[in-house]
Amino acid sequence: MRSNFFQPAALLASLALSGCLWAQNAISANDNTRSGPPEATPTRSTADKPHDDSFIIGNGDVLAINVWKEADISRSVPVRSDGKISLPLVGEVEATGTTPLKLEQAISAKLSGDISQPEVTVMVEQINSEKFNILGQVYKPGAYSLTTGATVLDALALAGGFRDFAKRKAIYVLRQKPDGAQARIAFNYKEVVTGRHPEQNIPLQPHDTVVVP
């Protein structure tokens, strides 16, 4: 009788223990699935650095110089009238006539004696060396700094608009061609502002001259 009594009890204990073990294993497996492999620490890739090897730096341009992990050196600097910039640990560097990419390389070379593998980025913050002219029957004729995307209408606005006797249908842009010849590009103000020929509102290029007869 005693053996018959303990057999069901032993069976129930065994089932309970198996259930607990199964639940523990399931929770452990679920935790491993949620945690997954450890995330990699993000690193800085030099391939992501913005480079510009087309723009030619000129006097008066403002450059943003960034040296990775060197806040005391990183800063915005204007290109002086002698074509140079100055930076701590670097001293003077020739900037005018070079591209931002070449200037990065020059600064890196000068820093290599003080910093191990310096990473330098040069961005053009403000263009003052490239200008256009506007002449004739406007309130403020003269030379203006050329901003990215500036059009003939932008030039007219900067010059304060038309004087009373301006020939608004006979405006033109003088542009130097690569072969040295000069192109004359017509601009009819009334056609542009009424939407009939918006393509005449061309983006200006360095050294363009807008003439308002």
N, C-alpha and C. Protein backbone atom coordinates (compact mmCIF):
# COMPACT_ATOMS: atom_id res chain seq x y z
N MET A 1 0.83 -1.20 0.00
CA MET A 1 0.00 0.00 0.00
C MET A 1 0.86 1.25 0.00
N ARG A 2 1.97 1.20 0.78
CA ARG A 2 2.83 2.39 0.87
C ARG A 2 3.46 2.69 -0.48
N SER A 3 3.89 1.64 -1.18
CA SER A 3 4.53 1.87 -2.49
C SER A 3 3.54 2.43 -3.49
N ASN A 4 2.30 1.98 -3.45
CA ASN A 4 1.30 2.51 -4.37
C ASN A 4 1.02 3.98 -4.10
N PHE A 5 1.12 4.38 -2.81
CA PHE A 5 0.87 5.79 -2.47
C PHE A 5 1.96 6.72 -3.00
N PHE A 6 3.22 6.31 -2.90
CA PHE A 6 4.33 7.20 -3.28
C PHE A 6 4.58 7.24 -4.79
N GLN A 7 4.15 6.24 -5.53
CA GLN A 7 4.43 6.27 -6.97
C GLN A 7 3.77 7.46 -7.68
N PRO A 8 2.47 7.72 -7.47
CA PRO A 8 1.85 8.91 -8.11
C PRO A 8 2.49 10.21 -7.64
N ALA A 9 2.85 10.28 -6.35
CA ALA A 9 3.47 11.50 -5.83
C ALA A 9 4.81 11.75 -6.50
N ALA A 10 5.58 10.70 -6.69
CA ALA A 10 6.89 10.85 -7.35
C ALA A 10 6.73 11.29 -8.79
N LEU A 11 5.70 10.73 -9.43
CA LEU A 11 5.46 11.11 -10.82
C LEU A 11 5.10 12.58 -10.93
N LEU A 12 4.24 13.07 -10.02
CA LEU A 12 3.86 14.48 -10.05
C LEU A 12 5.05 15.40 -9.80
N ALA A 13 5.92 15.02 -8.87
CA ALA A 13 7.11 15.82 -8.57
C ALA A 13 8.03 15.88 -9.78
N SER A 14 8.14 14.74 -10.46
CA SER A 14 9.00 14.70 -11.64
C SER A 14 8.47 15.59 -12.74
N LEU A 15 7.15 15.58 -12.94
CA LEU A 15 6.54 16.43 -13.97
C LEU A 15 6.72 17.91 -13.64
N ALA A 16 6.54 18.23 -12.35
CA ALA A 16 6.70 19.65 -11.94
C ALA A 16 8.12 20.13 -12.17
N LEU A 17 9.09 19.26 -11.82
CA LEU A 17 10.49 19.64 -12.02
C LEU A 17 10.81 19.83 -13.50
N SER A 18 10.27 18.95 -14.34
CA SER A 18 10.50 19.06 -15.80
C SER A 18 9.91 20.35 -16.33
N GLY A 19 8.72 20.71 -15.81
CA GLY A 19 8.09 21.96 -16.27
C GLY A 19 8.91 23.17 -15.90
N CYS A 20 9.47 23.16 -14.70
CA CYS A 20 10.29 24.30 -14.26
C CYS A 20 11.54 24.43 -15.12
N LEU A 21 12.17 23.29 -15.40
CA LEU A 21 13.38 23.30 -16.23
C LEU A 21 13.08 23.81 -17.64
N TRP A 22 11.94 23.35 -18.20
CA TRP A 22 11.57 23.79 -19.55
C TRP A 22 11.34 25.31 -19.59
N ALA A 23 10.63 25.83 -18.56
CA ALA A 23 10.35 27.27 -18.52
C ALA A 23 11.63 28.08 -18.38
N GLN A 24 12.57 27.57 -17.55
CA GLN A 24 13.83 28.29 -17.36
C GLN A 24 14.63 28.34 -18.65
N ASN A 25 14.66 27.19 -19.36
CA ASN A 25 15.38 27.17 -20.65
C ASN A 25 14.75 28.10 -21.67
N ALA A 26 13.41 28.13 -21.67
CA ALA A 26 12.71 29.01 -22.63
C ALA A 26 13.02 30.47 -22.36
N ILE A 27 13.02 30.84 -21.05
CA ILE A 27 13.32 32.24 -20.70
C ILE A 27 14.74 32.59 -21.07
N SER A 28 15.66 31.67 -20.81
CA SER A 28 17.06 31.92 -21.14
C SER A 28 17.26 32.09 -22.63
N ALA A 29 16.61 31.22 -23.42
CA ALA A 29 16.73 31.32 -24.88
C ALA A 29 16.13 32.62 -25.39
N ASN A 30 15.00 33.02 -24.77
CA ASN A 30 14.35 34.26 -25.20
C ASN A 30 15.22 35.47 -24.91
N ASP A 31 15.89 35.44 -23.75
CA ASP A 31 16.79 36.54 -23.39
C ASP A 31 17.94 36.64 -24.37
N ASN A 32 18.49 35.49 -24.78
CA ASN A 32 19.60 35.49 -25.73
C ASN A 32 19.17 36.05 -27.07
N THR A 33 17.91 35.72 -27.47
CA THR A 33 17.40 36.22 -28.74
C THR A 33 17.25 37.73 -28.71
N ARG A 34 16.76 38.26 -27.54
CA ARG A 34 16.57 39.71 -27.45
C ARG A 34 17.88 40.46 -27.42
N SER A 35 18.84 39.90 -26.71
CA SER A 35 20.09 40.63 -26.55
C SER A 35 20.90 40.63 -27.82
N GLY A 36 20.96 39.48 -28.53
CA GLY A 36 21.68 39.40 -29.79
C GLY A 36 23.15 39.65 -29.58
N PRO A 37 23.88 39.72 -30.66
CA PRO A 37 25.30 39.98 -30.56
C PRO A 37 25.56 41.39 -30.11
N PRO A 38 26.66 41.67 -29.43
CA PRO A 38 26.96 43.03 -28.98
C PRO A 38 27.12 43.97 -30.16
N GLU A 39 26.55 45.18 -30.02
CA GLU A 39 26.63 46.16 -31.10
C GLU A 39 28.03 46.70 -31.23
N ALA A 40 28.41 46.90 -32.48
CA ALA A 40 29.74 47.44 -32.73
C ALA A 40 29.75 48.93 -32.42
N THR A 41 30.82 49.41 -31.85
CA THR A 41 30.97 50.83 -31.56
C THR A 41 31.19 51.59 -32.85
N PRO A 42 30.34 52.61 -33.14
CA PRO A 42 30.51 53.32 -34.40
C PRO A 42 31.86 54.03 -34.45
N THR A 43 32.47 54.00 -35.60
CA THR A 43 33.75 54.66 -35.80
C THR A 43 33.63 55.68 -36.91
N ARG A 44 34.48 56.65 -36.91
CA ARG A 44 34.48 57.70 -37.92
C ARG A 44 35.20 57.21 -39.16
N SER A 45 34.56 57.36 -40.31
CA SER A 45 35.16 56.93 -41.57
C SER A 45 35.69 58.13 -42.33
N THR A 46 36.94 58.08 -42.67
CA THR A 46 37.52 59.20 -43.41
C THR A 46 36.95 59.30 -44.80
N ALA A 47 36.34 58.20 -45.30
CA ALA A 47 35.76 58.24 -46.64
C ALA A 47 34.53 59.12 -46.70
N ASP A 48 33.94 59.44 -45.52
CA ASP A 48 32.75 60.28 -45.49
C ASP A 48 33.08 61.77 -45.49
N LYS A 49 34.35 62.13 -45.42
CA LYS A 49 34.71 63.54 -45.36
C LYS A 49 34.37 64.24 -46.67
N PRO A 50 33.72 65.42 -46.60
CA PRO A 50 33.39 66.13 -47.83
C PRO A 50 34.64 66.78 -48.43
N HIS A 51 34.92 66.49 -49.67
CA HIS A 51 36.06 67.08 -50.36
C HIS A 51 35.59 67.88 -51.56
N ASP A 52 36.27 68.94 -51.84
CA ASP A 52 35.96 69.77 -53.00
C ASP A 52 37.27 70.02 -53.74
N ASP A 53 37.40 69.47 -54.93
CA ASP A 53 38.64 69.63 -55.68
C ASP A 53 38.42 70.44 -56.95
N SER A 54 37.38 71.29 -56.95
CA SER A 54 37.10 72.09 -58.14
C SER A 54 37.15 73.59 -57.85
N PHE A 55 36.65 74.01 -56.70
CA PHE A 55 36.63 75.44 -56.38
C PHE A 55 38.04 75.93 -56.07
N ILE A 56 38.37 77.07 -56.65
CA ILE A 56 39.68 77.68 -56.41
C ILE A 56 39.52 78.78 -55.36
N ILE A 57 40.20 78.62 -54.26
CA ILE A 57 40.12 79.58 -53.15
C ILE A 57 40.77 80.90 -53.56
N GLY A 58 40.16 82.00 -53.12
CA GLY A 58 40.69 83.32 -53.44
C GLY A 58 40.75 84.22 -52.21
N ASN A 59 41.39 85.37 -52.36
CA ASN A 59 41.49 86.33 -51.27
C ASN A 59 40.09 86.75 -50.78
N GLY A 60 39.92 86.80 -49.47
CA GLY A 60 38.65 87.23 -48.91
C GLY A 60 37.67 86.11 -48.63
N ASP A 61 37.90 84.94 -49.20
CA ASP A 61 37.01 83.82 -48.91
C ASP A 61 37.15 83.41 -47.44
N VAL A 62 36.06 82.94 -46.84
CA VAL A 62 36.08 82.48 -45.45
C VAL A 62 36.03 80.96 -45.46
N LEU A 63 37.00 80.33 -44.78
CA LEU A 63 37.13 78.89 -44.77
C LEU A 63 36.85 78.34 -43.38
N ALA A 64 36.11 77.23 -43.31
CA ALA A 64 35.88 76.52 -42.06
C ALA A 64 36.88 75.36 -42.00
N ILE A 65 37.84 75.46 -41.09
CA ILE A 65 38.88 74.44 -40.93
C ILE A 65 38.52 73.57 -39.73
N ASN A 66 38.40 72.28 -39.96
CA ASN A 66 38.09 71.37 -38.87
C ASN A 66 39.18 70.30 -38.78
N VAL A 67 39.80 70.20 -37.61
CA VAL A 67 40.80 69.15 -37.35
C VAL A 67 40.19 68.20 -36.34
N TRP A 68 40.05 66.96 -36.70
CA TRP A 68 39.38 65.95 -35.89
C TRP A 68 39.96 65.87 -34.48
N LYS A 69 39.08 66.09 -33.49
CA LYS A 69 39.43 66.03 -32.07
C LYS A 69 40.42 67.11 -31.64
N GLU A 70 40.51 68.19 -32.40
CA GLU A 70 41.41 69.30 -32.06
C GLU A 70 40.63 70.60 -32.12
N ALA A 71 39.81 70.84 -31.07
CA ALA A 71 38.94 72.01 -31.06
C ALA A 71 39.73 73.32 -31.01
N ASP A 72 40.93 73.29 -30.44
CA ASP A 72 41.73 74.52 -30.33
C ASP A 72 42.27 74.98 -31.68
N ILE A 73 42.34 74.05 -32.63
CA ILE A 73 42.84 74.41 -33.96
C ILE A 73 41.69 74.71 -34.91
N SER A 74 40.59 73.98 -34.76
CA SER A 74 39.44 74.13 -35.66
C SER A 74 38.81 75.50 -35.50
N ARG A 75 38.54 76.16 -36.62
CA ARG A 75 37.96 77.51 -36.59
C ARG A 75 37.64 77.98 -38.01
N SER A 76 36.91 79.10 -38.09
CA SER A 76 36.67 79.77 -39.36
C SER A 76 37.71 80.87 -39.53
N VAL A 77 38.34 80.90 -40.69
CA VAL A 77 39.38 81.90 -40.94
C VAL A 77 39.19 82.53 -42.32
N PRO A 78 39.39 83.85 -42.43
CA PRO A 78 39.35 84.48 -43.74
C PRO A 78 40.71 84.37 -44.42
N VAL A 79 40.68 84.28 -45.73
CA VAL A 79 41.93 84.31 -46.50
C VAL A 79 42.38 85.76 -46.60
N ARG A 80 43.60 86.04 -46.13
CA ARG A 80 44.08 87.42 -46.10
C ARG A 80 44.40 87.93 -47.50
N SER A 81 44.67 89.22 -47.58
CA SER A 81 44.97 89.84 -48.87
C SER A 81 46.26 89.31 -49.48
N ASP A 82 47.15 88.72 -48.63
CA ASP A 82 48.37 88.12 -49.17
C ASP A 82 48.16 86.66 -49.59
N GLY A 83 46.90 86.18 -49.49
CA GLY A 83 46.58 84.84 -49.96
C GLY A 83 46.82 83.74 -48.94
N LYS A 84 47.13 84.10 -47.68
CA LYS A 84 47.46 83.10 -46.68
C LYS A 84 46.44 83.07 -45.54
N ILE A 85 46.45 81.95 -44.79
CA ILE A 85 45.69 81.84 -43.55
C ILE A 85 46.66 81.44 -42.44
N SER A 86 46.25 81.65 -41.19
CA SER A 86 47.09 81.29 -40.05
C SER A 86 46.28 80.42 -39.10
N LEU A 87 46.94 79.35 -38.58
CA LEU A 87 46.31 78.44 -37.62
C LEU A 87 47.30 78.07 -36.54
N PRO A 88 46.84 77.80 -35.31
CA PRO A 88 47.74 77.32 -34.25
C PRO A 88 48.40 76.01 -34.66
N LEU A 89 49.66 75.85 -34.29
CA LEU A 89 50.50 74.69 -34.61
C LEU A 89 50.84 74.58 -36.09
N VAL A 90 50.13 75.32 -36.91
CA VAL A 90 50.35 75.25 -38.36
C VAL A 90 51.16 76.43 -38.85
N GLY A 91 50.85 77.60 -38.30
CA GLY A 91 51.47 78.82 -38.80
C GLY A 91 50.75 79.29 -40.05
N GLU A 92 51.49 79.86 -40.97
CA GLU A 92 50.90 80.41 -42.19
C GLU A 92 50.91 79.37 -43.30
N VAL A 93 49.79 79.33 -44.03
CA VAL A 93 49.65 78.41 -45.16
C VAL A 93 49.10 79.19 -46.35
N GLU A 94 49.64 78.95 -47.52
CA GLU A 94 49.13 79.58 -48.75
C GLU A 94 47.79 78.95 -49.10
N ALA A 95 46.75 79.78 -49.22
CA ALA A 95 45.41 79.27 -49.53
C ALA A 95 44.93 79.70 -50.92
N THR A 96 45.21 80.93 -51.28
CA THR A 96 44.74 81.44 -52.57
C THR A 96 45.37 80.64 -53.72
N GLY A 97 44.53 80.26 -54.66
CA GLY A 97 45.01 79.52 -55.82
C GLY A 97 44.98 78.02 -55.65
N THR A 98 44.62 77.54 -54.45
CA THR A 98 44.53 76.11 -54.20
C THR A 98 43.06 75.70 -54.06
N THR A 99 42.80 74.41 -54.05
CA THR A 99 41.46 73.90 -53.79
C THR A 99 41.35 73.51 -52.32
N PRO A 100 40.14 73.37 -51.79
CA PRO A 100 40.00 72.91 -50.41
C PRO A 100 40.70 71.58 -50.15
N LEU A 101 40.66 70.66 -51.09
CA LEU A 101 41.32 69.37 -50.90
C LEU A 101 42.83 69.53 -50.77
N LYS A 102 43.43 70.34 -51.62
CA LYS A 102 44.88 70.55 -51.56
C LYS A 102 45.27 71.28 -50.27
N LEU A 103 44.40 72.19 -49.83
CA LEU A 103 44.68 72.90 -48.58
C LEU A 103 44.60 71.94 -47.40
N GLU A 104 43.65 71.01 -47.43
CA GLU A 104 43.59 69.98 -46.39
C GLU A 104 44.92 69.23 -46.30
N GLN A 105 45.45 68.86 -47.44
CA GLN A 105 46.70 68.09 -47.47
C GLN A 105 47.86 68.92 -46.94
N ALA A 106 47.88 70.21 -47.28
CA ALA A 106 48.97 71.08 -46.81
C ALA A 106 48.91 71.26 -45.30
N ILE A 107 47.71 71.44 -44.76
CA ILE A 107 47.56 71.61 -43.31
C ILE A 107 47.92 70.31 -42.59
N SER A 108 47.49 69.19 -43.14
CA SER A 108 47.81 67.89 -42.53
C SER A 108 49.31 67.66 -42.47
N ALA A 109 50.01 68.03 -43.53
CA ALA A 109 51.46 67.85 -43.57
C ALA A 109 52.14 68.68 -42.49
N LYS A 110 51.65 69.90 -42.27
CA LYS A 110 52.26 70.76 -41.25
C LYS A 110 51.93 70.29 -39.83
N LEU A 111 50.79 69.63 -39.66
CA LEU A 111 50.39 69.16 -38.33
C LEU A 111 50.99 67.80 -37.97
N SER A 112 51.49 67.09 -38.96
CA SER A 112 51.94 65.71 -38.74
C SER A 112 53.08 65.62 -37.73
N GLY A 113 53.84 66.70 -37.54
CA GLY A 113 54.91 66.67 -36.55
C GLY A 113 54.42 66.76 -35.13
N ASP A 114 53.19 67.28 -34.93
CA ASP A 114 52.64 67.46 -33.58
C ASP A 114 51.47 66.52 -33.29
N ILE A 115 50.76 66.09 -34.34
CA ILE A 115 49.58 65.25 -34.16
C ILE A 115 49.75 63.99 -35.00
N SER A 116 49.46 62.85 -34.41
CA SER A 116 49.56 61.58 -35.14
C SER A 116 48.37 61.44 -36.09
N GLN A 117 48.65 61.31 -37.36
CA GLN A 117 47.66 61.13 -38.41
C GLN A 117 46.52 62.16 -38.31
N PRO A 118 46.82 63.43 -38.46
CA PRO A 118 45.77 64.45 -38.37
C PRO A 118 44.76 64.31 -39.50
N GLU A 119 43.50 64.50 -39.16
CA GLU A 119 42.43 64.46 -40.16
C GLU A 119 41.83 65.85 -40.28
N VAL A 120 41.97 66.44 -41.45
CA VAL A 120 41.61 67.84 -41.66
C VAL A 120 40.52 67.94 -42.73
N THR A 121 39.53 68.77 -42.45
CA THR A 121 38.49 69.08 -43.44
C THR A 121 38.45 70.58 -43.66
N VAL A 122 38.43 70.98 -44.91
CA VAL A 122 38.33 72.40 -45.28
C VAL A 122 37.05 72.60 -46.08
N MET A 123 36.18 73.46 -45.59
CA MET A 123 34.95 73.80 -46.29
C MET A 123 34.92 75.30 -46.56
N VAL A 124 34.43 75.69 -47.73
CA VAL A 124 34.30 77.10 -48.07
C VAL A 124 33.00 77.61 -47.45
N GLU A 125 33.14 78.47 -46.46
CA GLU A 125 31.99 78.97 -45.71
C GLU A 125 31.36 80.18 -46.39
N GLN A 126 32.19 81.02 -46.96
CA GLN A 126 31.68 82.23 -47.62
C GLN A 126 32.60 82.58 -48.79
N ILE A 127 32.01 82.80 -49.95
CA ILE A 127 32.79 83.14 -51.14
C ILE A 127 32.77 84.65 -51.33
N ASN A 128 33.94 85.25 -51.20
CA ASN A 128 34.06 86.70 -51.42
C ASN A 128 34.98 87.01 -52.60
N SER A 129 35.71 86.00 -53.06
CA SER A 129 36.68 86.25 -54.13
C SER A 129 36.03 86.28 -55.51
N GLU A 130 34.89 85.60 -55.66
CA GLU A 130 34.21 85.58 -56.95
C GLU A 130 33.15 86.68 -56.97
N LYS A 131 33.24 87.55 -57.93
CA LYS A 131 32.34 88.70 -58.00
C LYS A 131 31.72 88.83 -59.37
N PHE A 132 30.63 89.60 -59.43
CA PHE A 132 30.03 90.00 -60.69
C PHE A 132 29.84 91.51 -60.65
N ASN A 133 29.63 92.11 -61.80
CA ASN A 133 29.43 93.56 -61.90
C ASN A 133 28.03 93.85 -62.41
N ILE A 134 27.49 94.96 -61.98
CA ILE A 134 26.24 95.45 -62.56
C ILE A 134 26.39 96.94 -62.81
N LEU A 135 26.10 97.33 -64.04
CA LEU A 135 26.34 98.71 -64.48
C LEU A 135 25.09 99.30 -65.11
N GLY A 136 25.05 100.62 -65.18
CA GLY A 136 23.97 101.29 -65.90
C GLY A 136 22.92 101.88 -64.99
N GLN A 137 21.66 101.80 -65.45
CA GLN A 137 20.55 102.51 -64.82
C GLN A 137 19.97 101.74 -63.63
N VAL A 138 20.81 101.53 -62.61
CA VAL A 138 20.37 100.96 -61.34
C VAL A 138 20.84 101.89 -60.23
N TYR A 139 20.26 101.73 -59.05
CA TYR A 139 20.57 102.67 -57.96
C TYR A 139 21.94 102.43 -57.33
N LYS A 140 22.41 101.18 -57.35
CA LYS A 140 23.70 100.87 -56.70
C LYS A 140 24.57 100.03 -57.63
N PRO A 141 25.08 100.63 -58.70
CA PRO A 141 25.97 99.87 -59.58
C PRO A 141 27.29 99.56 -58.87
N GLY A 142 27.96 98.51 -59.33
CA GLY A 142 29.25 98.16 -58.73
C GLY A 142 29.51 96.68 -58.80
N ALA A 143 30.51 96.23 -58.03
CA ALA A 143 30.90 94.82 -57.97
C ALA A 143 30.30 94.20 -56.72
N TYR A 144 29.78 92.98 -56.86
CA TYR A 144 29.15 92.27 -55.76
C TYR A 144 29.71 90.85 -55.65
N SER A 145 29.75 90.35 -54.42
CA SER A 145 30.18 88.97 -54.22
C SER A 145 29.14 88.03 -54.81
N LEU A 146 29.63 87.01 -55.49
CA LEU A 146 28.76 86.06 -56.16
C LEU A 146 28.42 84.91 -55.22
N THR A 147 27.16 84.82 -54.84
CA THR A 147 26.71 83.71 -54.01
C THR A 147 26.21 82.59 -54.91
N THR A 148 26.19 81.38 -54.37
CA THR A 148 25.78 80.22 -55.15
C THR A 148 24.35 80.37 -55.64
N GLY A 149 24.16 80.19 -56.94
CA GLY A 149 22.82 80.22 -57.51
C GLY A 149 22.27 81.60 -57.79
N ALA A 150 23.05 82.66 -57.60
CA ALA A 150 22.57 84.02 -57.84
C ALA A 150 22.23 84.20 -59.33
N THR A 151 21.08 84.81 -59.60
CA THR A 151 20.60 85.01 -60.96
C THR A 151 20.62 86.49 -61.33
N VAL A 152 20.18 86.79 -62.56
CA VAL A 152 20.12 88.19 -63.00
C VAL A 152 19.15 88.98 -62.13
N LEU A 153 18.01 88.37 -61.81
CA LEU A 153 17.05 89.06 -60.92
C LEU A 153 17.65 89.34 -59.56
N ASP A 154 18.44 88.41 -59.04
CA ASP A 154 19.12 88.63 -57.76
C ASP A 154 20.07 89.83 -57.86
N ALA A 155 20.78 89.92 -58.99
CA ALA A 155 21.71 91.03 -59.20
C ALA A 155 20.97 92.37 -59.22
N LEU A 156 19.83 92.40 -59.90
CA LEU A 156 19.06 93.64 -59.98
C LEU A 156 18.55 94.05 -58.60
N ALA A 157 18.16 93.07 -57.81
CA ALA A 157 17.68 93.37 -56.46
C ALA A 157 18.81 93.91 -55.59
N LEU A 158 20.00 93.30 -55.68
CA LEU A 158 21.15 93.77 -54.91
C LEU A 158 21.52 95.20 -55.28
N ALA A 159 21.32 95.53 -56.55
CA ALA A 159 21.68 96.88 -57.03
C ALA A 159 20.60 97.91 -56.75
N GLY A 160 19.56 97.52 -56.04
CA GLY A 160 18.55 98.49 -55.62
C GLY A 160 17.45 98.76 -56.60
N GLY A 161 17.41 98.00 -57.70
CA GLY A 161 16.34 98.20 -58.68
C GLY A 161 16.67 99.23 -59.73
N PHE A 162 15.68 99.52 -60.59
CA PHE A 162 15.89 100.38 -61.76
C PHE A 162 15.73 101.86 -61.43
N ARG A 163 16.51 102.65 -62.16
CA ARG A 163 16.25 104.09 -62.19
C ARG A 163 15.12 104.36 -63.18
N ASP A 164 14.67 105.60 -63.19
CA ASP A 164 13.46 105.93 -63.95
C ASP A 164 13.56 105.63 -65.44
N PHE A 165 14.72 105.85 -66.03
CA PHE A 165 14.83 105.73 -67.49
C PHE A 165 15.50 104.44 -67.93
N ALA A 166 15.54 103.44 -67.07
CA ALA A 166 16.14 102.16 -67.42
C ALA A 166 15.33 101.47 -68.50
N LYS A 167 16.04 100.90 -69.48
CA LYS A 167 15.39 100.15 -70.56
C LYS A 167 15.28 98.68 -70.12
N ARG A 168 14.18 98.35 -69.51
CA ARG A 168 14.02 97.05 -68.87
C ARG A 168 13.93 95.89 -69.86
N LYS A 169 13.60 96.20 -71.11
CA LYS A 169 13.52 95.14 -72.12
C LYS A 169 14.85 94.90 -72.82
N ALA A 170 15.84 95.74 -72.53
CA ALA A 170 17.10 95.66 -73.29
C ALA A 170 18.30 95.34 -72.40
N ILE A 171 18.07 94.75 -71.25
CA ILE A 171 19.17 94.37 -70.35
C ILE A 171 19.94 93.21 -70.97
N TYR A 172 21.22 93.15 -70.70
CA TYR A 172 22.02 92.02 -71.19
C TYR A 172 23.16 91.71 -70.23
N VAL A 173 23.67 90.49 -70.35
CA VAL A 173 24.78 90.02 -69.53
C VAL A 173 25.98 89.81 -70.44
N LEU A 174 27.11 90.39 -70.07
CA LEU A 174 28.37 90.16 -70.79
C LEU A 174 29.13 89.06 -70.05
N ARG A 175 29.52 88.02 -70.82
CA ARG A 175 30.20 86.87 -70.21
C ARG A 175 31.42 86.49 -71.04
N GLN A 176 32.52 86.28 -70.34
CA GLN A 176 33.76 85.90 -71.00
C GLN A 176 33.74 84.41 -71.34
N LYS A 177 34.00 84.09 -72.61
CA LYS A 177 34.07 82.70 -73.05
C LYS A 177 35.46 82.14 -72.79
N PRO A 178 35.60 80.80 -72.76
CA PRO A 178 36.92 80.19 -72.55
C PRO A 178 37.94 80.59 -73.61
N ASP A 179 37.48 80.89 -74.83
CA ASP A 179 38.41 81.27 -75.90
C ASP A 179 38.79 82.74 -75.87
N GLY A 180 38.27 83.47 -74.87
CA GLY A 180 38.60 84.89 -74.74
C GLY A 180 37.56 85.82 -75.34
N ALA A 181 36.68 85.29 -76.16
CA ALA A 181 35.64 86.12 -76.76
C ALA A 181 34.59 86.45 -75.70
N GLN A 182 33.77 87.44 -75.99
CA GLN A 182 32.75 87.88 -75.04
C GLN A 182 31.36 87.61 -75.59
N ALA A 183 30.55 86.94 -74.81
CA ALA A 183 29.17 86.64 -75.21
C ALA A 183 28.24 87.70 -74.63
N ARG A 184 27.19 87.99 -75.38
CA ARG A 184 26.17 88.94 -74.93
C ARG A 184 24.85 88.19 -74.81
N ILE A 185 24.31 88.09 -73.59
CA ILE A 185 23.12 87.29 -73.31
C ILE A 185 21.98 88.23 -72.97
N ALA A 186 20.92 88.20 -73.79
CA ALA A 186 19.80 89.12 -73.62
C ALA A 186 18.96 88.75 -72.40
N PHE A 187 18.40 89.79 -71.76
CA PHE A 187 17.52 89.62 -70.61
C PHE A 187 16.43 90.66 -70.68
N ASN A 188 15.20 90.20 -70.93
CA ASN A 188 14.04 91.08 -70.98
C ASN A 188 13.30 90.98 -69.65
N TYR A 189 13.44 92.00 -68.84
CA TYR A 189 12.89 91.96 -67.48
C TYR A 189 11.39 91.70 -67.47
N LYS A 190 10.65 92.35 -68.35
CA LYS A 190 9.19 92.22 -68.34
C LYS A 190 8.76 90.81 -68.73
N GLU A 191 9.48 90.21 -69.68
CA GLU A 191 9.15 88.83 -70.06
C GLU A 191 9.45 87.84 -68.93
N VAL A 192 10.50 88.10 -68.20
CA VAL A 192 10.87 87.18 -67.11
C VAL A 192 9.88 87.27 -65.96
N VAL A 193 9.57 88.49 -65.52
CA VAL A 193 8.72 88.64 -64.33
C VAL A 193 7.27 88.27 -64.62
N THR A 194 6.86 88.27 -65.88
CA THR A 194 5.50 87.84 -66.22
C THR A 194 5.45 86.34 -66.54
N GLY A 195 6.59 85.68 -66.47
CA GLY A 195 6.62 84.24 -66.65
C GLY A 195 6.66 83.76 -68.08
N ARG A 196 6.83 84.67 -69.05
CA ARG A 196 6.84 84.24 -70.45
C ARG A 196 8.16 83.59 -70.85
N HIS A 197 9.27 84.11 -70.31
CA HIS A 197 10.58 83.53 -70.63
C HIS A 197 11.44 83.48 -69.37
N PRO A 198 11.08 82.61 -68.43
CA PRO A 198 11.86 82.52 -67.19
C PRO A 198 13.27 81.99 -67.42
N GLU A 199 13.50 81.30 -68.54
CA GLU A 199 14.84 80.76 -68.81
C GLU A 199 15.88 81.86 -69.02
N GLN A 200 15.42 83.11 -69.26
CA GLN A 200 16.38 84.20 -69.40
C GLN A 200 17.03 84.57 -68.07
N ASN A 201 16.40 84.19 -66.98
CA ASN A 201 16.94 84.52 -65.66
C ASN A 201 18.04 83.52 -65.30
N ILE A 202 19.16 83.65 -65.97
CA ILE A 202 20.24 82.67 -65.88
C ILE A 202 21.05 82.85 -64.59
N PRO A 203 21.63 81.76 -64.07
CA PRO A 203 22.58 81.91 -62.95
C PRO A 203 23.82 82.65 -63.42
N LEU A 204 24.29 83.55 -62.60
CA LEU A 204 25.48 84.32 -62.95
C LEU A 204 26.74 83.51 -62.70
N GLN A 205 27.78 83.85 -63.44
CA GLN A 205 29.09 83.23 -63.29
C GLN A 205 30.10 84.29 -62.85
N PRO A 206 31.22 83.87 -62.28
CA PRO A 206 32.23 84.84 -61.87
C PRO A 206 32.64 85.75 -63.02
N HIS A 207 32.73 87.04 -62.73
CA HIS A 207 33.17 88.07 -63.69
C HIS A 207 32.11 88.44 -64.73
N ASP A 208 30.87 87.94 -64.58
CA ASP A 208 29.79 88.41 -65.44
C ASP A 208 29.52 89.89 -65.18
N THR A 209 29.06 90.58 -66.20
CA THR A 209 28.67 91.98 -66.06
C THR A 209 27.24 92.14 -66.55
N VAL A 210 26.36 92.58 -65.66
CA VAL A 210 24.98 92.84 -66.01
C VAL A 210 24.87 94.31 -66.39
N VAL A 211 24.38 94.57 -67.59
CA VAL A 211 24.30 95.95 -68.10
C VAL A 211 22.82 96.32 -68.24
N VAL A 212 22.45 97.43 -67.58
CA VAL A 212 21.08 97.96 -67.66
C VAL A 212 21.15 99.29 -68.41
N PRO A 213 20.81 99.32 -69.71
CA PRO A 213 20.93 100.57 -70.49
C PRO A 213 19.98 101.66 -70.00
